[in-house]
Every structure is written in structure tokens, then in C-alpha cells.
Amino acid sequence: MSGLALLISLLLALVLIQAGRPVAATYGLALFPPVAVYRWRTGSIRRRRTILSEPFPAEWEAVLQRDVLFFRVLEPAAKVRFRQQVQLFLGEKRVTGIRLQLDTTTRVLTAASAIIPIFGFPDWEWDQINEVLVYPNRFDEHFRFGDQVGQSILGMVGTGSLNRLMILSQPDLIQGFRNAADKRNVGIHEFAHLVDKSDGIIDGVPSVGLDRQSLGPWIDLVRRKMAEIEGGRSDIDRYALTNEAEFFAVTSEYFFERPGMMQRKHPHLYEMLEQVFNQNLFARATQFKRELTRPRLRFGRNSPCPCGSGLKFKKCCLA
């Protein structure tokens, strides 16, 4: 509540009371505007407290443990923060299935896609998006999906009339997490575009994490790396040649899926992306590599609970 607004309201109330107005009604009317402003300004805080007061669903935990390698290698305290971010994203943003029944896996993986790129910024706000539309398969530039030739788009960030919208192909979203070794993840790719857009434009020059002195070296690095791809001297996906914005999104996928490999093969690029995302993934590269060799986790009622309690799933989070 603004102290100045409250003071002005009280002074006005005193003047009116001295003029003969009823005390209780006058104070009530005087306090209404600053109280209303206070509740409006703190509404999001109260809403988030309500969201986080709910227990984290066991089904969500199972999806994170089974499909999100990034989550599995986090320290316990970081896992707690990741879970909270999942709750907030799904509590504040809409994830809508288009001609499909939206399941828990799709919703949680959509949220994970949003959280992974900005996990180095605990106070990040996803103001650039209100809703994610999930299509049953790939689509074309007119947003048509099915089995026709030309329907090859995996995901996109909306512009113009579709501003604050994202579209993702459900099979490709899921496959992006379940194959964590191919340096491809359409969810991370599209949310990396939104990180790029945080300065108002998707141009492959992210202002987040890079100071003004770093922008020139970043642009020069992008040009060199694109030349290497063009010349067949790089393992970065050729889709990065589309333009600078796609280069940033494609290399973001690489950075988050195979940080150890990127640090070894593209050390300067890794260093710059580490700065952009404010995340030192190389420190967890050994855990990433170990998790890649493990069989995909499956959870039944008698499995150890994924929360790490040591109890059976049915007697812990599933109970």
C-alpha cells in the first residue's frame, strides 16, 4: 500500500469528519482506494501462495523423474525450486490440447520446457506467453495438421494476432525429452525463442545474460559457427543456418541436452551460452552422461517413490 496515498486519504477523511460527515462511513470510504490498490498489486503474490500451498502431484513427479534428465541431475534444493516453478507455470498459464485429450505427461513436459532455459534466473517472469496450444502432430504455415505434404513444423512462437501464444506438436514435444541424447528438444527450442524475445525482438541476439560488450563477440561467433555448419565442419544441426534466431534456438537445444559434448567440441559457444542462460551445466556433465546410459525409468505402485523417500510409490506420493 502506498504510504502517501494512505496519508492523503486519512487527511481527506479528517477534513470531511470536521465538516460533519459520519466518522465510520468516512474512514471506510477514505480507506477503500488505497486498500483496493494494495490488493490489486499483491494479487499475484496471494495467487502464487495458494498455488504453492498445494502438494506436488505424484503423477507430475513421476513424469519429471522418468522423462526430464535436466531435473534428475539437480541437487535436492534445486529440485524443490524446479517443482515450484512447474506448479506456478501450470497454475498461471494455459496449456490447451487441440483435437486431442491433454494428458499429464504433455502438460508437465510443456512446463519443463519453459523452466529449463530460465532456471538460472529465479525471478524470471514469462510475460511473453499466456497459452501453449498442443497439436496432435506437425503442422504447416497455415496451422493445418494431418498427414498432408508440407506439414513439417514441430513448434512455433506466435506473432501478430497470435502474440503470446505458442504451438507445439505433442509427439515431438514428448520425443524431445525421451531422446535426451540427440541434441533436439522442440519445447526448449521454442522457449529459447522467447528468451531471445525478452528484449522485444526474436533476432538471435539475446540481451539476457550478455552485457553490451559481449554482443559484438556473440554476433561474430554466430557467423563463424554458421560458416562451419555450411562447410560441413560442425555437428550442429543444419537448421541453425535458417537465420541467427534459429541458430540461437538450435544451439540452446544442444546446450541443455549435451552440455559436456558442447563444451568439448564448441568451448567458446558453450561459454557464451552459459553466460546467456546463467547456468553452469558443465559442472553436472558427468551426471548428464551417466543418466543418458541408464534405462528409462518406469514407476509402478510398488516402485520406490520418485521423491526419494525410500518408501514404495503407493505408500508415499501416490497415497
C-alpha atoms as a PDB file:
ATOM      1  CA  MET A   1       0.000   0.000   0.000  1.00  0.00           C
ATOM      2  CA  SER A   2       1.366   3.421  -0.888  1.00  0.00           C
ATOM      3  CA  GLY A   3       2.092   5.365   2.310  1.00  0.00           C
ATOM      4  CA  LEU A   4       1.487   8.656   0.513  1.00  0.00           C
ATOM      5  CA  ALA A   5      -1.908   7.520  -0.805  1.00  0.00           C
ATOM      6  CA  LEU A   6      -2.927   6.332   2.649  1.00  0.00           C
ATOM      7  CA  LEU A   7      -1.837   9.608   4.251  1.00  0.00           C
ATOM      8  CA  ILE A   8      -3.773  11.670   1.706  1.00  0.00           C
ATOM      9  CA  SER A   9      -6.877   9.517   2.219  1.00  0.00           C
ATOM     10  CA  LEU A  10      -6.714   9.916   6.007  1.00  0.00           C
ATOM     11  CA  LEU A  11      -6.220  13.692   5.791  1.00  0.00           C
ATOM     12  CA  LEU A  12      -9.198  13.922   3.454  1.00  0.00           C
ATOM     13  CA  ALA A  13     -11.239  11.840   5.895  1.00  0.00           C
ATOM     14  CA  LEU A  14     -10.347  14.182   8.783  1.00  0.00           C
ATOM     15  CA  VAL A  15     -11.430  17.195   6.752  1.00  0.00           C
ATOM     16  CA  LEU A  16     -14.768  15.557   5.947  1.00  0.00           C
ATOM     17  CA  ILE A  17     -15.299  14.472   9.553  1.00  0.00           C
ATOM     18  CA  GLN A  18     -14.685  18.016  10.754  1.00  0.00           C
ATOM     19  CA  ALA A  19     -17.267  19.133   8.222  1.00  0.00           C
ATOM     20  CA  GLY A  20     -19.813  16.878   9.923  1.00  0.00           C
ATOM     21  CA  ARG A  21     -19.629  13.626   7.951  1.00  0.00           C
ATOM     22  CA  PRO A  22     -20.170  10.314   9.872  1.00  0.00           C
ATOM     23  CA  VAL A  23     -16.857   9.026  11.240  1.00  0.00           C
ATOM     24  CA  ALA A  24     -17.152   5.314  10.395  1.00  0.00           C
ATOM     25  CA  ALA A  25     -18.513   5.778   6.885  1.00  0.00           C
ATOM     26  CA  THR A  26     -15.988   8.497   6.069  1.00  0.00           C
ATOM     27  CA  TYR A  27     -12.990   6.435   7.164  1.00  0.00           C
ATOM     28  CA  GLY A  28     -14.362   3.457   5.274  1.00  0.00           C
ATOM     29  CA  LEU A  29     -14.690   5.423   2.046  1.00  0.00           C
ATOM     30  CA  ALA A  30     -11.276   7.025   2.536  1.00  0.00           C
ATOM     31  CA  LEU A  31      -9.523   3.704   3.044  1.00  0.00           C
ATOM     32  CA  PHE A  32     -11.215   1.916   0.143  1.00  0.00           C
ATOM     33  CA  PRO A  33      -8.988   3.277  -2.712  1.00  0.00           C
ATOM     34  CA  PRO A  34      -5.579   2.526  -1.105  1.00  0.00           C
ATOM     35  CA  VAL A  35      -6.787  -0.891   0.088  1.00  0.00           C
ATOM     36  CA  ALA A  36      -8.083  -1.701  -3.391  1.00  0.00           C
ATOM     37  CA  VAL A  37      -4.753  -0.664  -4.935  1.00  0.00           C
ATOM     38  CA  TYR A  38      -2.879  -2.770  -2.389  1.00  0.00           C
ATOM     39  CA  ARG A  39      -4.954  -5.868  -3.131  1.00  0.00           C
ATOM     40  CA  TRP A  40      -4.528  -5.358  -6.881  1.00  0.00           C
ATOM     41  CA  ARG A  41      -0.753  -5.011  -6.590  1.00  0.00           C
ATOM     42  CA  THR A  42      -0.385  -8.040  -4.314  1.00  0.00           C
ATOM     43  CA  GLY A  43      -2.919 -10.248  -6.095  1.00  0.00           C
ATOM     44  CA  SER A  44      -0.265 -12.272  -7.898  1.00  0.00           C
ATOM     45  CA  ILE A  45       1.594 -12.895  -4.634  1.00  0.00           C
ATOM     46  CA  ARG A  46      -1.540 -14.262  -2.962  1.00  0.00           C
ATOM     47  CA  ARG A  47      -2.396 -16.335  -6.027  1.00  0.00           C
ATOM     48  CA  ARG A  48       1.083 -17.868  -6.086  1.00  0.00           C
ATOM     49  CA  ARG A  49       0.971 -18.663  -2.400  1.00  0.00           C
ATOM     50  CA  THR A  50      -2.275 -20.510  -2.999  1.00  0.00           C
ATOM     51  CA  ILE A  51      -0.783 -22.462  -5.925  1.00  0.00           C
ATOM     52  CA  LEU A  52       2.312 -23.431  -3.939  1.00  0.00           C
ATOM     53  CA  SER A  53       0.269 -24.432  -0.902  1.00  0.00           C
ATOM     54  CA  GLU A  54      -0.964 -27.454  -2.867  1.00  0.00           C
ATOM     55  CA  PRO A  55       1.118 -30.653  -2.622  1.00  0.00           C
ATOM     56  CA  PHE A  56       3.120 -31.518  -5.711  1.00  0.00           C
ATOM     57  CA  PRO A  57       1.156 -34.278  -7.529  1.00  0.00           C
ATOM     58  CA  ALA A  58       2.797 -37.710  -7.566  1.00  0.00           C
ATOM     59  CA  GLU A  59       1.938 -38.088 -11.254  1.00  0.00           C
ATOM     60  CA  TRP A  60       3.880 -34.903 -12.041  1.00  0.00           C
ATOM     61  CA  GLU A  61       6.851 -36.145 -10.044  1.00  0.00           C
ATOM     62  CA  ALA A  62       6.827 -39.413 -11.972  1.00  0.00           C
ATOM     63  CA  VAL A  63       6.940 -37.535 -15.290  1.00  0.00           C
ATOM     64  CA  LEU A  64       9.881 -35.394 -14.152  1.00  0.00           C
ATOM     65  CA  GLN A  65      11.811 -38.401 -12.873  1.00  0.00           C
ATOM     66  CA  ARG A  66      11.068 -40.514 -15.938  1.00  0.00           C
ATOM     67  CA  ASP A  67      11.405 -38.007 -18.762  1.00  0.00           C
ATOM     68  CA  VAL A  68      13.305 -34.881 -17.664  1.00  0.00           C
ATOM     69  CA  LEU A  69      17.021 -35.612 -17.408  1.00  0.00           C
ATOM     70  CA  PHE A  70      17.742 -31.978 -16.537  1.00  0.00           C
ATOM     71  CA  PHE A  71      15.593 -32.371 -13.410  1.00  0.00           C
ATOM     72  CA  ARG A  72      17.119 -35.696 -12.371  1.00  0.00           C
ATOM     73  CA  VAL A  73      20.652 -34.287 -12.121  1.00  0.00           C
ATOM     74  CA  LEU A  74      19.678 -31.290  -9.969  1.00  0.00           C
ATOM     75  CA  GLU A  75      20.635 -31.019  -6.319  1.00  0.00           C
ATOM     76  CA  PRO A  76      17.732 -31.614  -3.867  1.00  0.00           C
ATOM     77  CA  ALA A  77      17.208 -27.910  -3.138  1.00  0.00           C
ATOM     78  CA  ALA A  78      17.173 -27.099  -6.853  1.00  0.00           C
ATOM     79  CA  LYS A  79      14.640 -29.884  -7.433  1.00  0.00           C
ATOM     80  CA  VAL A  80      12.345 -28.236  -4.905  1.00  0.00           C
ATOM     81  CA  ARG A  81      12.589 -24.935  -6.795  1.00  0.00           C
ATOM     82  CA  PHE A  82      12.017 -26.713 -10.130  1.00  0.00           C
ATOM     83  CA  ARG A  83       8.843 -28.341  -8.779  1.00  0.00           C
ATOM     84  CA  GLN A  84       7.605 -24.965  -7.566  1.00  0.00           C
ATOM     85  CA  GLN A  85       8.220 -23.446 -10.985  1.00  0.00           C
ATOM     86  CA  VAL A  86       6.254 -26.286 -12.611  1.00  0.00           C
ATOM     87  CA  GLN A  87       3.347 -25.586 -10.258  1.00  0.00           C
ATOM     88  CA  LEU A  88       3.440 -21.864 -10.973  1.00  0.00           C
ATOM     89  CA  PHE A  89       3.671 -22.255 -14.740  1.00  0.00           C
ATOM     90  CA  LEU A  90       0.770 -24.695 -14.909  1.00  0.00           C
ATOM     91  CA  GLY A  91      -1.184 -22.617 -12.395  1.00  0.00           C
ATOM     92  CA  GLU A  92      -0.779 -19.350 -14.308  1.00  0.00           C
ATOM     93  CA  LYS A  93      -0.523 -20.338 -17.987  1.00  0.00           C
ATOM     94  CA  ARG A  94      -2.980 -22.258 -20.120  1.00  0.00           C
ATOM     95  CA  VAL A  95      -1.917 -25.460 -21.885  1.00  0.00           C
ATOM     96  CA  THR A  96      -4.649 -26.397 -24.340  1.00  0.00           C
ATOM     97  CA  GLY A  97      -4.984 -29.531 -26.422  1.00  0.00           C
ATOM     98  CA  ILE A  98      -6.301 -29.022 -29.958  1.00  0.00           C
ATOM     99  CA  ARG A  99      -8.270 -32.069 -31.084  1.00  0.00           C
ATOM    100  CA  LEU A 100      -6.539 -34.225 -28.518  1.00  0.00           C
ATOM    101  CA  GLN A 101      -7.039 -35.245 -24.919  1.00  0.00           C
ATOM    102  CA  LEU A 102      -4.357 -33.432 -22.984  1.00  0.00           C
ATOM    103  CA  ASP A 103      -2.565 -35.771 -20.576  1.00  0.00           C
ATOM    104  CA  THR A 104      -0.373 -35.198 -17.540  1.00  0.00           C
ATOM    105  CA  THR A 105       2.837 -36.004 -19.398  1.00  0.00           C
ATOM    106  CA  THR A 106       2.203 -33.343 -22.040  1.00  0.00           C
ATOM    107  CA  ARG A 107       1.318 -30.653 -19.500  1.00  0.00           C
ATOM    108  CA  VAL A 108       4.342 -31.341 -17.278  1.00  0.00           C
ATOM    109  CA  LEU A 109       6.775 -31.531 -20.208  1.00  0.00           C
ATOM    110  CA  THR A 110       5.419 -28.232 -21.543  1.00  0.00           C
ATOM    111  CA  ALA A 111       6.136 -26.643 -18.172  1.00  0.00           C
ATOM    112  CA  ALA A 112       9.594 -28.242 -18.011  1.00  0.00           C
ATOM    113  CA  SER A 113      10.346 -26.807 -21.469  1.00  0.00           C
ATOM    114  CA  ALA A 114       9.623 -23.336 -20.110  1.00  0.00           C
ATOM    115  CA  ILE A 115      11.559 -23.723 -16.886  1.00  0.00           C
ATOM    116  CA  ILE A 116      14.796 -25.276 -18.138  1.00  0.00           C
ATOM    117  CA  PRO A 117      16.021 -22.258 -20.185  1.00  0.00           C
ATOM    118  CA  ILE A 118      15.315 -19.733 -17.405  1.00  0.00           C
ATOM    119  CA  PHE A 119      16.262 -21.831 -14.391  1.00  0.00           C
ATOM    120  CA  GLY A 120      19.318 -19.635 -13.909  1.00  0.00           C
ATOM    121  CA  PHE A 121      17.033 -16.654 -13.303  1.00  0.00           C
ATOM    122  CA  PRO A 122      14.916 -17.412 -10.201  1.00  0.00           C
ATOM    123  CA  ASP A 123      12.864 -14.211 -10.585  1.00  0.00           C
ATOM    124  CA  TRP A 124      12.059 -14.708 -14.277  1.00  0.00           C
ATOM    125  CA  GLU A 125       8.501 -13.860 -15.345  1.00  0.00           C
ATOM    126  CA  TRP A 126       7.056 -15.443 -18.504  1.00  0.00           C
ATOM    127  CA  ASP A 127       5.227 -12.284 -19.554  1.00  0.00           C
ATOM    128  CA  GLN A 128       5.747 -13.131 -23.237  1.00  0.00           C
ATOM    129  CA  ILE A 129       3.269 -16.023 -23.198  1.00  0.00           C
ATOM    130  CA  ASN A 130      -0.257 -16.712 -21.978  1.00  0.00           C
ATOM    131  CA  GLU A 131      -1.099 -20.025 -23.595  1.00  0.00           C
ATOM    132  CA  VAL A 132       0.505 -23.052 -25.244  1.00  0.00           C
ATOM    133  CA  LEU A 133      -1.554 -24.878 -27.877  1.00  0.00           C
ATOM    134  CA  VAL A 134      -0.662 -28.541 -28.281  1.00  0.00           C
ATOM    135  CA  TYR A 135      -1.400 -30.082 -31.690  1.00  0.00           C
ATOM    136  CA  PRO A 136      -1.761 -33.845 -32.245  1.00  0.00           C
ATOM    137  CA  ASN A 137       1.045 -33.799 -34.828  1.00  0.00           C
ATOM    138  CA  ARG A 138       3.109 -31.473 -37.007  1.00  0.00           C
ATOM    139  CA  PHE A 139       1.514 -28.622 -38.921  1.00  0.00           C
ATOM    140  CA  ASP A 140       2.074 -26.204 -41.810  1.00  0.00           C
ATOM    141  CA  GLU A 141       2.402 -22.423 -42.022  1.00  0.00           C
ATOM    142  CA  HIS A 142      -1.399 -22.129 -42.086  1.00  0.00           C
ATOM    143  CA  PHE A 143      -1.656 -24.132 -38.838  1.00  0.00           C
ATOM    144  CA  ARG A 144      -3.220 -27.119 -40.584  1.00  0.00           C
ATOM    145  CA  PHE A 145      -2.268 -30.536 -39.302  1.00  0.00           C
ATOM    146  CA  GLY A 146      -2.796 -34.071 -40.520  1.00  0.00           C
ATOM    147  CA  ASP A 147      -0.939 -36.254 -42.982  1.00  0.00           C
ATOM    148  CA  GLN A 148      -0.577 -33.852 -45.894  1.00  0.00           C
ATOM    149  CA  VAL A 149       2.735 -32.990 -47.520  1.00  0.00           C
ATOM    150  CA  GLY A 150       4.265 -29.809 -46.114  1.00  0.00           C
ATOM    151  CA  GLN A 151       3.038 -30.267 -42.579  1.00  0.00           C
ATOM    152  CA  SER A 152       6.501 -30.369 -41.080  1.00  0.00           C
ATOM    153  CA  ILE A 153       6.529 -27.654 -38.391  1.00  0.00           C
ATOM    154  CA  LEU A 154       7.250 -29.025 -34.913  1.00  0.00           C
ATOM    155  CA  GLY A 155       6.566 -25.831 -32.990  1.00  0.00           C
ATOM    156  CA  MET A 156       6.336 -22.078 -33.284  1.00  0.00           C
ATOM    157  CA  VAL A 157       6.053 -18.873 -31.290  1.00  0.00           C
ATOM    158  CA  GLY A 158       3.068 -16.806 -32.356  1.00  0.00           C
ATOM    159  CA  THR A 159       3.323 -13.258 -33.683  1.00  0.00           C
ATOM    160  CA  GLY A 160       0.769 -10.625 -34.629  1.00  0.00           C
ATOM    161  CA  SER A 161      -2.722 -11.896 -33.799  1.00  0.00           C
ATOM    162  CA  LEU A 162      -1.105 -14.984 -32.240  1.00  0.00           C
ATOM    163  CA  ASN A 163       1.132 -12.958 -29.952  1.00  0.00           C
ATOM    164  CA  ARG A 164       1.629 -14.581 -26.516  1.00  0.00           C
ATOM    165  CA  LEU A 165       0.743 -17.980 -27.982  1.00  0.00           C
ATOM    166  CA  MET A 166       2.961 -20.971 -28.681  1.00  0.00           C
ATOM    167  CA  ILE A 167       2.119 -24.079 -30.693  1.00  0.00           C
ATOM    168  CA  LEU A 168       3.822 -27.432 -30.084  1.00  0.00           C
ATOM    169  CA  SER A 169       3.445 -30.810 -31.763  1.00  0.00           C
ATOM    170  CA  GLN A 170       2.659 -33.298 -28.976  1.00  0.00           C
ATOM    171  CA  PRO A 171       4.649 -36.270 -30.376  1.00  0.00           C
ATOM    172  CA  ASP A 172       7.713 -34.096 -30.970  1.00  0.00           C
ATOM    173  CA  LEU A 173       7.456 -32.477 -27.528  1.00  0.00           C
ATOM    174  CA  ILE A 174       7.457 -35.888 -25.846  1.00  0.00           C
ATOM    175  CA  GLN A 175      10.144 -37.341 -28.104  1.00  0.00           C
ATOM    176  CA  GLY A 176      12.365 -34.347 -27.376  1.00  0.00           C
ATOM    177  CA  PHE A 177      12.533 -35.359 -23.730  1.00  0.00           C
ATOM    178  CA  ARG A 178      12.556 -39.112 -24.149  1.00  0.00           C
ATOM    179  CA  ASN A 179      15.530 -38.954 -26.506  1.00  0.00           C
ATOM    180  CA  ALA A 180      17.853 -36.761 -24.471  1.00  0.00           C
ATOM    181  CA  ALA A 181      20.951 -37.594 -26.499  1.00  0.00           C
ATOM    182  CA  ASP A 182      20.064 -36.225 -29.949  1.00  0.00           C
ATOM    183  CA  LYS A 183      20.527 -32.513 -29.125  1.00  0.00           C
ATOM    184  CA  ARG A 184      16.917 -31.877 -30.179  1.00  0.00           C
ATOM    185  CA  ASN A 185      14.072 -30.678 -27.990  1.00  0.00           C
ATOM    186  CA  VAL A 186      11.324 -28.632 -29.610  1.00  0.00           C
ATOM    187  CA  GLY A 187       9.962 -27.406 -26.272  1.00  0.00           C
ATOM    188  CA  ILE A 188      13.305 -25.942 -25.223  1.00  0.00           C
ATOM    189  CA  HIS A 189      13.775 -24.629 -28.768  1.00  0.00           C
ATOM    190  CA  GLU A 190      10.560 -22.596 -28.733  1.00  0.00           C
ATOM    191  CA  PHE A 191      11.029 -21.238 -25.219  1.00  0.00           C
ATOM    192  CA  ALA A 192      14.591 -20.254 -26.172  1.00  0.00           C
ATOM    193  CA  HIS A 193      12.969 -18.074 -28.851  1.00  0.00           C
ATOM    194  CA  LEU A 194      11.001 -16.373 -26.080  1.00  0.00           C
ATOM    195  CA  VAL A 195      14.178 -15.827 -24.056  1.00  0.00           C
ATOM    196  CA  ASP A 196      15.560 -14.191 -27.196  1.00  0.00           C
ATOM    197  CA  LYS A 197      12.370 -12.111 -27.425  1.00  0.00           C
ATOM    198  CA  SER A 198      12.798 -10.702 -23.915  1.00  0.00           C
ATOM    199  CA  ASP A 199      14.283  -7.544 -25.475  1.00  0.00           C
ATOM    200  CA  GLY A 200      11.269  -7.223 -27.782  1.00  0.00           C
ATOM    201  CA  ILE A 201      12.511  -8.991 -30.912  1.00  0.00           C
ATOM    202  CA  ILE A 202      13.478 -12.543 -31.920  1.00  0.00           C
ATOM    203  CA  ASP A 203      16.754 -11.920 -33.711  1.00  0.00           C
ATOM    204  CA  GLY A 204      19.245 -14.403 -32.263  1.00  0.00           C
ATOM    205  CA  VAL A 205      20.932 -11.717 -30.173  1.00  0.00           C
ATOM    206  CA  PRO A 206      19.708 -12.362 -26.635  1.00  0.00           C
ATOM    207  CA  SER A 207      20.173  -9.411 -24.347  1.00  0.00           C
ATOM    208  CA  VAL A 208      19.568 -11.644 -21.315  1.00  0.00           C
ATOM    209  CA  GLY A 209      22.852 -12.625 -19.714  1.00  0.00           C
ATOM    210  CA  LEU A 210      25.001 -10.724 -22.212  1.00  0.00           C
ATOM    211  CA  ASP A 211      26.313  -7.268 -21.431  1.00  0.00           C
ATOM    212  CA  ARG A 212      26.765  -4.702 -24.175  1.00  0.00           C
ATOM    213  CA  GLN A 213      30.445  -5.568 -24.592  1.00  0.00           C
ATOM    214  CA  SER A 214      29.546  -9.221 -25.279  1.00  0.00           C
ATOM    215  CA  LEU A 215      27.085  -8.594 -28.097  1.00  0.00           C
ATOM    216  CA  GLY A 216      29.724  -7.998 -30.762  1.00  0.00           C
ATOM    217  CA  PRO A 217      31.717 -11.145 -29.916  1.00  0.00           C
ATOM    218  CA  TRP A 218      28.429 -13.128 -29.873  1.00  0.00           C
ATOM    219  CA  ILE A 219      27.493 -11.954 -33.378  1.00  0.00           C
ATOM    220  CA  ASP A 220      30.994 -12.775 -34.676  1.00  0.00           C
ATOM    221  CA  LEU A 221      30.847 -16.227 -33.064  1.00  0.00           C
ATOM    222  CA  VAL A 222      27.451 -16.961 -34.628  1.00  0.00           C
ATOM    223  CA  ARG A 223      28.783 -16.066 -38.079  1.00  0.00           C
ATOM    224  CA  ARG A 224      31.835 -18.296 -37.654  1.00  0.00           C
ATOM    225  CA  LYS A 225      29.784 -21.216 -36.406  1.00  0.00           C
ATOM    226  CA  MET A 226      27.278 -20.864 -39.235  1.00  0.00           C
ATOM    227  CA  ALA A 227      30.170 -20.921 -41.708  1.00  0.00           C
ATOM    228  CA  GLU A 228      31.415 -24.150 -40.107  1.00  0.00           C
ATOM    229  CA  ILE A 229      27.971 -25.714 -40.460  1.00  0.00           C
ATOM    230  CA  GLU A 230      27.727 -24.597 -44.079  1.00  0.00           C
ATOM    231  CA  GLY A 231      31.132 -26.122 -44.779  1.00  0.00           C
ATOM    232  CA  GLY A 232      30.221 -29.457 -43.210  1.00  0.00           C
ATOM    233  CA  ARG A 233      32.667 -28.972 -40.343  1.00  0.00           C
ATOM    234  CA  SER A 234      30.170 -28.970 -37.470  1.00  0.00           C
ATOM    235  CA  ASP A 235      27.821 -31.352 -35.657  1.00  0.00           C
ATOM    236  CA  ILE A 236      25.316 -28.528 -35.045  1.00  0.00           C
ATOM    237  CA  ASP A 237      22.026 -29.226 -36.826  1.00  0.00           C
ATOM    238  CA  ARG A 238      21.835 -27.527 -40.232  1.00  0.00           C
ATOM    239  CA  TYR A 239      18.501 -25.968 -39.322  1.00  0.00           C
ATOM    240  CA  ALA A 240      20.652 -23.444 -37.463  1.00  0.00           C
ATOM    241  CA  LEU A 241      21.548 -21.996 -40.875  1.00  0.00           C
ATOM    242  CA  THR A 242      17.967 -20.709 -41.330  1.00  0.00           C
ATOM    243  CA  ASN A 243      18.862 -17.428 -39.623  1.00  0.00           C
ATOM    244  CA  GLU A 244      20.515 -16.102 -36.466  1.00  0.00           C
ATOM    245  CA  ALA A 245      17.365 -16.609 -34.391  1.00  0.00           C
ATOM    246  CA  GLU A 246      17.179 -20.284 -35.319  1.00  0.00           C
ATOM    247  CA  PHE A 247      20.894 -20.653 -34.664  1.00  0.00           C
ATOM    248  CA  PHE A 248      20.336 -19.475 -31.110  1.00  0.00           C
ATOM    249  CA  ALA A 249      17.370 -21.815 -30.556  1.00  0.00           C
ATOM    250  CA  VAL A 250      19.091 -24.849 -32.119  1.00  0.00           C
ATOM    251  CA  THR A 251      22.276 -24.373 -30.113  1.00  0.00           C
ATOM    252  CA  SER A 252      20.174 -23.887 -26.982  1.00  0.00           C
ATOM    253  CA  GLU A 253      18.791 -27.400 -27.516  1.00  0.00           C
ATOM    254  CA  TYR A 254      22.368 -28.687 -27.833  1.00  0.00           C
ATOM    255  CA  PHE A 255      23.479 -26.764 -24.723  1.00  0.00           C
ATOM    256  CA  PHE A 256      20.765 -28.182 -22.482  1.00  0.00           C
ATOM    257  CA  GLU A 257      20.836 -31.744 -23.788  1.00  0.00           C
ATOM    258  CA  ARG A 258      24.574 -32.354 -24.263  1.00  0.00           C
ATOM    259  CA  PRO A 259      26.497 -29.700 -22.299  1.00  0.00           C
ATOM    260  CA  GLY A 260      29.615 -31.835 -21.914  1.00  0.00           C
ATOM    261  CA  MET A 261      29.794 -32.516 -25.640  1.00  0.00           C
ATOM    262  CA  MET A 262      29.253 -28.844 -26.488  1.00  0.00           C
ATOM    263  CA  GLN A 263      31.939 -27.747 -24.040  1.00  0.00           C
ATOM    264  CA  ARG A 264      34.357 -30.198 -25.640  1.00  0.00           C
ATOM    265  CA  LYS A 265      33.513 -29.505 -29.303  1.00  0.00           C
ATOM    266  CA  HIS A 266      32.452 -25.852 -29.131  1.00  0.00           C
ATOM    267  CA  PRO A 267      34.046 -24.393 -25.994  1.00  0.00           C
ATOM    268  CA  HIS A 268      33.574 -20.731 -26.926  1.00  0.00           C
ATOM    269  CA  LEU A 269      29.942 -21.273 -27.884  1.00  0.00           C
ATOM    270  CA  TYR A 270      29.351 -23.196 -24.651  1.00  0.00           C
ATOM    271  CA  GLU A 271      30.926 -20.365 -22.661  1.00  0.00           C
ATOM    272  CA  MET A 272      28.709 -17.754 -24.295  1.00  0.00           C
ATOM    273  CA  LEU A 273      25.511 -19.786 -23.797  1.00  0.00           C
ATOM    274  CA  GLU A 274      26.481 -20.436 -20.194  1.00  0.00           C
ATOM    275  CA  GLN A 275      26.607 -16.668 -19.815  1.00  0.00           C
ATOM    276  CA  VAL A 276      23.283 -16.158 -21.635  1.00  0.00           C
ATOM    277  CA  PHE A 277      21.383 -18.682 -19.520  1.00  0.00           C
ATOM    278  CA  ASN A 278      23.356 -18.123 -16.305  1.00  0.00           C
ATOM    279  CA  GLN A 279      23.733 -21.889 -15.874  1.00  0.00           C
ATOM    280  CA  ASN A 280      26.928 -23.906 -15.453  1.00  0.00           C
ATOM    281  CA  LEU A 281      25.760 -27.210 -16.908  1.00  0.00           C
ATOM    282  CA  PHE A 282      29.299 -28.471 -17.421  1.00  0.00           C
ATOM    283  CA  ALA A 283      29.547 -28.869 -13.640  1.00  0.00           C
ATOM    284  CA  ARG A 284      26.850 -31.550 -13.991  1.00  0.00           C
ATOM    285  CA  ALA A 285      28.142 -33.018 -17.254  1.00  0.00           C
ATOM    286  CA  THR A 286      29.188 -36.279 -15.576  1.00  0.00           C
ATOM    287  CA  GLN A 287      25.700 -36.761 -14.153  1.00  0.00           C
ATOM    288  CA  PHE A 288      24.186 -35.944 -17.566  1.00  0.00           C
ATOM    289  CA  LYS A 289      26.348 -38.600 -19.209  1.00  0.00           C
ATOM    290  CA  ARG A 290      25.558 -41.188 -16.543  1.00  0.00           C
ATOM    291  CA  GLU A 291      21.817 -40.569 -16.817  1.00  0.00           C
ATOM    292  CA  LEU A 292      21.967 -40.956 -20.603  1.00  0.00           C
ATOM    293  CA  THR A 293      23.186 -44.542 -20.197  1.00  0.00           C
ATOM    294  CA  ARG A 294      20.508 -45.549 -17.678  1.00  0.00           C
ATOM    295  CA  PRO A 295      17.350 -47.342 -18.834  1.00  0.00           C
ATOM    296  CA  ARG A 296      14.265 -45.161 -18.929  1.00  0.00           C
ATOM    297  CA  LEU A 297      12.658 -45.121 -15.501  1.00  0.00           C
ATOM    298  CA  ARG A 298       9.254 -46.734 -15.013  1.00  0.00           C
ATOM    299  CA  PHE A 299       7.031 -46.340 -11.986  1.00  0.00           C
ATOM    300  CA  GLY A 300       4.509 -48.849 -10.694  1.00  0.00           C
ATOM    301  CA  ARG A 301       2.646 -48.877  -7.414  1.00  0.00           C
ATOM    302  CA  ASN A 302       5.384 -50.957  -5.793  1.00  0.00           C
ATOM    303  CA  SER A 303       8.298 -48.977  -7.250  1.00  0.00           C
ATOM    304  CA  PRO A 304      10.486 -46.843  -4.962  1.00  0.00           C
ATOM    305  CA  CYS A 305       8.856 -43.426  -4.731  1.00  0.00           C
ATOM    306  CA  PRO A 306      10.489 -40.951  -7.150  1.00  0.00           C
ATOM    307  CA  CYS A 307      10.605 -38.311  -4.409  1.00  0.00           C
ATOM    308  CA  GLY A 308      13.495 -40.218  -2.808  1.00  0.00           C
ATOM    309  CA  SER A 309      11.769 -41.026   0.490  1.00  0.00           C
ATOM    310  CA  GLY A 310      12.737 -44.696   0.319  1.00  0.00           C
ATOM    311  CA  LEU A 311       9.087 -45.777   0.584  1.00  0.00           C
ATOM    312  CA  LYS A 312       7.103 -47.526  -2.090  1.00  0.00           C
ATOM    313  CA  PHE A 313       5.329 -45.240  -4.535  1.00  0.00           C
ATOM    314  CA  LYS A 314       1.897 -46.469  -3.383  1.00  0.00           C
ATOM    315  CA  LYS A 315       2.682 -45.691   0.260  1.00  0.00           C
ATOM    316  CA  CYS A 316       4.255 -42.274  -0.331  1.00  0.00           C
ATOM    317  CA  CYS A 317       3.401 -39.714  -3.003  1.00  0.00           C
ATOM    318  CA  LEU A 318       0.705 -41.886  -4.594  1.00  0.00           C
ATOM    319  CA  ALA A 319      -1.123 -42.319  -1.283  1.00  0.00           C
END
